Amino acid sequence: MNRFLIAFFLCFIILSHCTLGGCEQTEDSSHKEVLVIGLVPEQNVFRQLERYTPLAEYLSSKTGLKIKLKVLIRYGNIIDNFVSAGMDGAFWGSFSYVLAHNKIGVEVLARPEAPDGTSTCNGLIFVRTDSGIRSITDMKRKRFVFVDKASTAGYLFPLVYFKQQGVEDYRAYFKETYFAGTHEDAVRDVLDAKSDIGAAKNTVFARMARGDAMILQKLKILAISHNLPENGLALSANVPASVKISLQNTLLNMHHDPVGTRVLMTFGAQRFVRTTNKDYEPVLRYASEARLNLVRYDYVNH
């Protein structure tokens, strides 16, 4: 009987990866099987999920990890909620990534390349064609709609544009300024005359224009930013290296797979490209020009 108990105990130790000194966990078993990936609110929640869900399902099927998507209600929330909501990564906008990298140490892996071969986007400042606004002088005492304080195209670029044009205090210069929350809503507000001038991302502007001819007919672009990296997938420092490598390799090679190619087509890209912190230098230059301290920057809209 004693020999049986000893044998049973030894088998238990072997099967559970334990020793008499305690249990050890491998890298894979220490990390949860579900990866929560956040999405910044470029568009409304339903369109955002419609675009990203096939990609998440593809990544799950190839890596064996369950990918759960979480759409945040505003750009800054993705930084505030990253730890509290237990997120493992996100598809960050360029400015929100720079802020998150500085504040919580996330690291970027890859970003999409569009069918035209570009993996960058631009900020736009636009007005209605019938507004009579053609310069910063014409904008005085008008209404300006931003997207979010953690958006490059929807806030940082306009800040730099104002300073280049001699406007140091935009709140005093404009009759009213406010945050729409999404690029889509900022475009719509100017189109519907809720605001006189707006800022948004060119890829969202173009996507909306393909479905609504009135956007190109009724809106005029006055300024365009430098090239900025498209939304990239960046993961927490706590995610195991093996998981990061697996996700990055899957993204970078999915255009070689017929199923992956179909998913990319739905997503609106031809492939994903490797991305590093060096790609965000244009954003850092804008932040420097706007005289922002990235560590202490207040990204709450008010």
Protein backbone atom coordinates (compact mmCIF):
# COMPACT_ATOMS: atom_id res chain seq x y z
CA MET A 1 0.00 0.00 0.00
CA ASN A 2 2.81 2.41 0.89
CA ARG A 3 4.58 1.65 -2.41
CA PHE A 4 1.34 2.42 -4.25
CA LEU A 5 0.96 5.82 -2.53
CA ILE A 6 4.59 6.75 -3.24
CA ALA A 7 4.20 5.81 -6.93
CA PHE A 8 0.95 7.78 -7.16
CA PHE A 9 2.59 10.86 -5.60
CA LEU A 10 5.56 10.73 -7.99
CA CYS A 11 3.24 10.44 -10.99
CA PHE A 12 1.29 13.45 -9.75
CA ILE A 13 4.51 15.49 -9.49
CA ILE A 14 5.60 14.55 -13.02
CA LEU A 15 2.23 15.20 -14.64
CA SER A 16 1.71 18.55 -12.93
CA HIS A 17 5.27 19.83 -13.63
CA CYS A 18 5.89 20.10 -9.87
CA THR A 19 8.89 19.31 -7.69
CA LEU A 20 9.08 18.81 -3.94
CA GLY A 21 10.23 22.45 -3.77
CA GLY A 22 7.14 23.79 -5.55
CA CYS A 23 5.42 24.06 -8.96
CA GLU A 24 7.03 25.73 -11.94
CA GLN A 25 5.12 27.39 -14.81
CA THR A 26 6.33 27.48 -18.37
CA GLU A 27 6.11 30.73 -20.35
CA ASP A 28 3.06 29.53 -22.29
CA SER A 29 1.13 28.21 -19.30
CA SER A 30 1.71 31.42 -17.32
CA HIS A 31 -0.05 33.53 -19.92
CA LYS A 32 -3.79 33.51 -20.36
CA GLU A 33 -5.17 31.87 -23.48
CA VAL A 34 -7.36 34.89 -24.39
CA LEU A 35 -5.67 38.01 -25.73
CA VAL A 36 -7.73 41.18 -25.35
CA ILE A 37 -6.95 43.61 -28.17
CA GLY A 38 -8.25 47.18 -28.02
CA LEU A 39 -9.40 49.29 -30.98
CA VAL A 40 -9.38 53.09 -31.13
CA PRO A 41 -12.70 54.60 -32.28
CA GLU A 42 -11.94 55.74 -35.83
CA GLN A 43 -15.48 54.86 -36.92
CA ASN A 44 -18.62 53.84 -35.09
CA VAL A 45 -18.37 50.64 -33.04
CA PHE A 46 -20.22 48.41 -35.51
CA ARG A 47 -18.13 49.37 -38.54
CA GLN A 48 -14.95 49.07 -36.51
CA LEU A 49 -15.85 45.55 -35.37
CA GLU A 50 -16.98 44.63 -38.89
CA ARG A 51 -13.53 45.53 -40.18
CA TYR A 52 -11.40 43.91 -37.45
CA THR A 53 -13.36 40.75 -36.54
CA PRO A 54 -12.27 38.67 -39.60
CA LEU A 55 -8.65 39.61 -38.87
CA ALA A 56 -8.99 38.60 -35.21
CA GLU A 57 -10.55 35.28 -36.24
CA TYR A 58 -7.72 34.63 -38.71
CA LEU A 59 -5.05 35.36 -36.09
CA SER A 60 -6.84 33.05 -33.65
CA SER A 61 -6.97 30.20 -36.17
CA LYS A 62 -3.26 30.51 -37.01
CA THR A 63 -1.81 31.06 -33.54
CA GLY A 64 -4.19 29.00 -31.40
CA LEU A 65 -4.88 32.05 -29.24
CA LYS A 66 -8.38 33.38 -28.73
CA ILE A 67 -8.45 37.07 -29.72
CA LYS A 68 -11.10 39.19 -28.05
CA LEU A 69 -11.68 42.68 -29.47
CA LYS A 70 -12.61 45.65 -27.30
CA VAL A 71 -13.63 48.96 -28.92
CA LEU A 72 -12.88 51.94 -26.70
CA ILE A 73 -15.23 54.92 -26.65
CA ARG A 74 -12.36 57.39 -27.11
CA TYR A 75 -8.65 57.40 -27.91
CA GLY A 76 -7.44 58.30 -24.42
CA ASN A 77 -9.48 55.47 -22.89
CA ILE A 78 -7.22 52.95 -24.57
CA ILE A 79 -4.34 54.17 -22.41
CA ASP A 80 -6.37 54.55 -19.19
CA ASN A 81 -8.07 51.18 -19.57
CA PHE A 82 -5.13 49.18 -20.87
CA VAL A 83 -4.15 47.85 -17.46
CA SER A 84 -7.49 48.15 -15.64
CA ALA A 85 -9.40 46.33 -18.40
CA GLY A 86 -6.72 43.64 -18.68
CA MET A 87 -5.88 44.40 -22.30
CA ASP A 88 -2.86 42.70 -23.84
CA GLY A 89 -2.50 44.90 -26.90
CA ALA A 90 -4.22 47.30 -29.25
CA PHE A 91 -4.27 48.66 -32.76
CA TRP A 92 -3.01 52.09 -31.73
CA GLY A 93 -3.24 55.33 -33.67
CA SER A 94 0.18 56.94 -34.15
CA PHE A 95 -0.09 59.52 -31.33
CA SER A 96 -1.86 57.18 -28.92
CA TYR A 97 0.94 54.65 -29.53
CA VAL A 98 3.66 57.22 -28.80
CA LEU A 99 1.86 58.19 -25.58
CA ALA A 100 1.30 54.55 -24.54
CA HIS A 101 4.89 53.58 -25.33
CA ASN A 102 6.11 56.39 -23.07
CA LYS A 103 3.59 55.77 -20.29
CA ILE A 104 3.11 51.97 -20.16
CA GLY A 105 5.86 50.52 -22.37
CA VAL A 106 3.87 48.85 -25.17
CA GLU A 107 5.88 47.74 -28.23
CA VAL A 108 4.65 47.86 -31.83
CA LEU A 109 4.82 44.81 -34.12
CA ALA A 110 3.21 45.57 -37.48
CA ARG A 111 0.82 47.84 -39.38
CA PRO A 112 -1.25 47.41 -42.55
CA GLU A 113 -0.14 48.40 -46.04
CA ALA A 114 -2.95 49.66 -48.28
CA PRO A 115 -3.60 48.31 -51.80
CA ASP A 116 -1.77 51.36 -53.23
CA GLY A 117 1.42 50.34 -51.38
CA THR A 118 1.26 52.96 -48.61
CA SER A 119 1.44 52.09 -44.92
CA THR A 120 1.02 55.69 -43.82
CA CYS A 121 -1.84 58.12 -43.39
CA ASN A 122 -2.21 61.90 -43.20
CA GLY A 123 -4.08 64.41 -41.10
CA LEU A 124 -6.47 66.72 -42.94
CA ILE A 125 -7.96 70.11 -42.11
CA PHE A 126 -11.10 70.75 -44.14
CA VAL A 127 -14.07 73.09 -44.56
CA ARG A 128 -17.27 73.21 -46.59
CA THR A 129 -16.70 74.50 -50.10
CA ASP A 130 -19.41 77.14 -49.61
CA SER A 131 -18.00 78.41 -46.28
CA GLY A 132 -15.70 81.05 -47.76
CA ILE A 133 -12.91 79.82 -45.46
CA ARG A 134 -9.60 79.48 -47.28
CA SER A 135 -6.94 80.46 -44.71
CA ILE A 136 -6.25 80.71 -40.98
CA THR A 137 -7.43 84.35 -41.10
CA ASP A 138 -10.85 83.24 -42.35
CA MET A 139 -11.07 80.73 -39.47
CA LYS A 140 -11.12 83.38 -36.73
CA ARG A 141 -14.26 83.22 -34.53
CA LYS A 142 -15.44 80.06 -36.30
CA ARG A 143 -16.21 76.61 -34.90
CA PHE A 144 -13.50 73.90 -35.08
CA VAL A 145 -14.11 70.19 -34.46
CA PHE A 146 -11.24 67.94 -33.37
CA VAL A 147 -11.34 64.16 -32.98
CA ASP A 148 -9.54 63.44 -29.70
CA LYS A 149 -6.57 64.78 -27.74
CA ALA A 150 -4.76 61.44 -28.23
CA SER A 151 -5.10 61.56 -32.05
CA THR A 152 -2.34 62.78 -34.37
CA ALA A 153 -4.57 63.62 -37.34
CA GLY A 154 -7.46 64.77 -35.19
CA TYR A 155 -5.59 66.99 -32.72
CA LEU A 156 -1.77 67.04 -32.77
CA PHE A 157 -1.50 68.04 -36.44
CA PRO A 158 -4.01 70.92 -36.08
CA LEU A 159 -2.06 72.17 -33.03
CA VAL A 160 1.12 72.34 -35.10
CA TYR A 161 -0.76 73.95 -38.03
CA PHE A 162 -2.11 76.67 -35.72
CA LYS A 163 1.35 77.43 -34.31
CA GLN A 164 2.86 77.55 -37.82
CA GLN A 165 0.16 80.06 -38.75
CA GLY A 166 0.82 82.23 -35.69
CA VAL A 167 -2.09 81.06 -33.51
CA GLU A 168 -0.75 80.25 -30.03
CA ASP A 169 -4.06 79.99 -28.15
CA TYR A 170 -6.62 78.29 -30.35
CA ARG A 171 -9.32 78.42 -27.66
CA ALA A 172 -9.22 82.22 -27.74
CA TYR A 173 -8.96 82.33 -31.53
CA PHE A 174 -12.00 80.21 -32.37
CA LYS A 175 -15.59 80.87 -31.39
CA GLU A 176 -15.94 77.26 -30.28
CA THR A 177 -13.85 74.07 -30.27
CA TYR A 178 -14.96 70.57 -29.33
CA PHE A 179 -14.11 66.87 -29.76
CA ALA A 180 -16.26 64.64 -31.96
CA GLY A 181 -14.75 61.39 -30.63
CA THR A 182 -14.25 59.72 -34.03
CA HIS A 183 -12.79 60.82 -37.36
CA GLU A 184 -16.04 59.81 -39.00
CA ASP A 185 -18.08 62.11 -36.75
CA ALA A 186 -15.69 65.03 -37.30
CA VAL A 187 -16.12 64.73 -41.08
CA ARG A 188 -19.89 64.41 -40.72
CA ASP A 189 -20.14 67.45 -38.42
CA VAL A 190 -18.49 69.73 -40.99
CA LEU A 191 -20.54 68.24 -43.82
CA ASP A 192 -23.75 68.84 -41.82
CA ALA A 193 -22.66 72.41 -40.86
CA LYS A 194 -22.47 71.65 -37.14
CA SER A 195 -18.90 72.91 -37.35
CA ASP A 196 -17.13 75.27 -39.77
CA ILE A 197 -13.72 73.55 -39.82
CA GLY A 198 -12.65 70.03 -38.95
CA ALA A 199 -9.64 67.73 -38.64
CA ALA A 200 -9.58 64.01 -39.41
CA LYS A 201 -7.57 61.18 -40.91
CA ASN A 202 -7.36 60.96 -44.71
CA THR A 203 -8.01 57.21 -44.85
CA VAL A 204 -11.32 57.59 -42.98
CA PHE A 205 -12.19 60.65 -45.09
CA ALA A 206 -11.53 58.65 -48.29
CA ARG A 207 -13.43 55.60 -47.02
CA MET A 208 -16.47 57.77 -46.28
CA ALA A 209 -16.19 59.54 -49.65
CA ARG A 210 -16.40 56.19 -51.46
CA GLY A 211 -19.83 55.69 -49.92
CA ASP A 212 -21.04 59.30 -50.06
CA ALA A 213 -20.29 61.45 -53.12
CA MET A 214 -21.39 64.58 -51.22
CA ILE A 215 -18.20 64.51 -49.15
CA LEU A 216 -15.96 65.31 -52.12
CA GLN A 217 -18.50 67.71 -53.58
CA LYS A 218 -19.15 69.71 -50.41
CA LEU A 219 -15.85 69.54 -48.50
CA LYS A 220 -12.53 71.20 -49.35
CA ILE A 221 -9.17 70.20 -47.88
CA LEU A 222 -7.04 73.15 -46.73
CA ALA A 223 -4.03 71.43 -45.13
CA ILE A 224 -2.38 67.98 -45.13
CA SER A 225 0.07 66.62 -42.55
CA HIS A 226 3.34 64.77 -43.10
CA ASN A 227 3.08 60.99 -43.56
CA LEU A 228 2.20 59.19 -40.31
CA PRO A 229 2.26 55.43 -39.60
CA GLU A 230 -1.11 53.71 -39.96
CA ASN A 231 -2.69 52.08 -36.90
CA GLY A 232 -0.28 49.39 -35.72
CA LEU A 233 -0.65 46.40 -33.43
CA ALA A 234 1.38 46.88 -30.26
CA LEU A 235 1.46 44.54 -27.26
CA SER A 236 2.10 44.88 -23.55
CA ALA A 237 5.56 44.16 -22.20
CA ASN A 238 3.90 41.40 -20.14
CA VAL A 239 2.95 39.36 -23.21
CA PRO A 240 5.48 36.50 -23.64
CA ALA A 241 8.03 36.89 -26.43
CA SER A 242 6.82 33.66 -28.05
CA VAL A 243 3.30 35.09 -28.40
CA LYS A 244 4.61 38.35 -29.86
CA ILE A 245 6.74 36.49 -32.41
CA SER A 246 3.83 34.23 -33.36
CA LEU A 247 1.45 37.15 -33.91
CA GLN A 248 4.02 39.21 -35.79
CA ASN A 249 4.99 36.34 -38.10
CA THR A 250 1.32 35.57 -38.80
CA LEU A 251 0.60 39.19 -39.71
CA LEU A 252 3.70 39.57 -41.86
CA ASN A 253 3.04 36.37 -43.82
CA MET A 254 -0.73 36.29 -44.18
CA HIS A 255 -0.60 37.76 -47.72
CA HIS A 256 1.08 34.50 -48.83
CA ASP A 257 -1.95 32.52 -47.68
CA PRO A 258 -5.13 32.45 -49.86
CA VAL A 259 -7.35 32.68 -46.77
CA GLY A 260 -5.19 35.46 -45.37
CA THR A 261 -5.40 37.34 -48.66
CA ARG A 262 -9.20 37.29 -48.51
CA VAL A 263 -9.13 38.57 -44.92
CA LEU A 264 -6.75 41.36 -45.94
CA MET A 265 -9.08 42.34 -48.77
CA THR A 266 -11.97 42.66 -46.29
CA PHE A 267 -9.72 44.67 -43.97
CA GLY A 268 -8.70 47.01 -46.80
CA ALA A 269 -5.00 46.11 -46.97
CA GLN A 270 -2.68 44.12 -49.20
CA ARG A 271 -0.35 43.00 -46.40
CA PHE A 272 1.11 43.92 -43.00
CA VAL A 273 4.61 45.38 -42.70
CA ARG A 274 7.11 45.25 -39.84
CA THR A 275 6.94 48.40 -37.70
CA THR A 276 9.36 49.87 -35.15
CA ASN A 277 9.57 52.95 -32.96
CA LYS A 278 11.65 54.67 -35.64
CA ASP A 279 8.53 54.87 -37.82
CA TYR A 280 6.96 57.23 -35.27
CA GLU A 281 9.61 59.96 -35.57
CA PRO A 282 7.23 62.29 -37.52
CA VAL A 283 4.81 62.12 -34.57
CA LEU A 284 7.59 62.91 -32.11
CA ARG A 285 8.62 65.90 -34.23
CA TYR A 286 5.03 67.19 -34.20
CA ALA A 287 4.84 66.73 -30.42
CA SER A 288 8.11 68.65 -30.02
CA GLU A 289 6.88 71.42 -32.33
CA ALA A 290 3.67 71.64 -30.30
CA ARG A 291 5.84 71.79 -27.15
CA LEU A 292 4.14 68.81 -25.49
CA ASN A 293 5.65 66.84 -22.61
CA LEU A 294 4.68 63.26 -23.52
CA VAL A 295 5.20 61.91 -20.00
CA ARG A 296 2.92 64.50 -18.37
CA TYR A 297 0.60 65.08 -21.33
CA ASP A 298 -3.09 65.33 -20.36
CA TYR A 299 -5.01 63.45 -23.05
CA VAL A 300 -8.45 63.89 -21.46
CA ASN A 301 -10.77 65.85 -23.74
CA HIS A 302 -11.96 69.11 -22.19
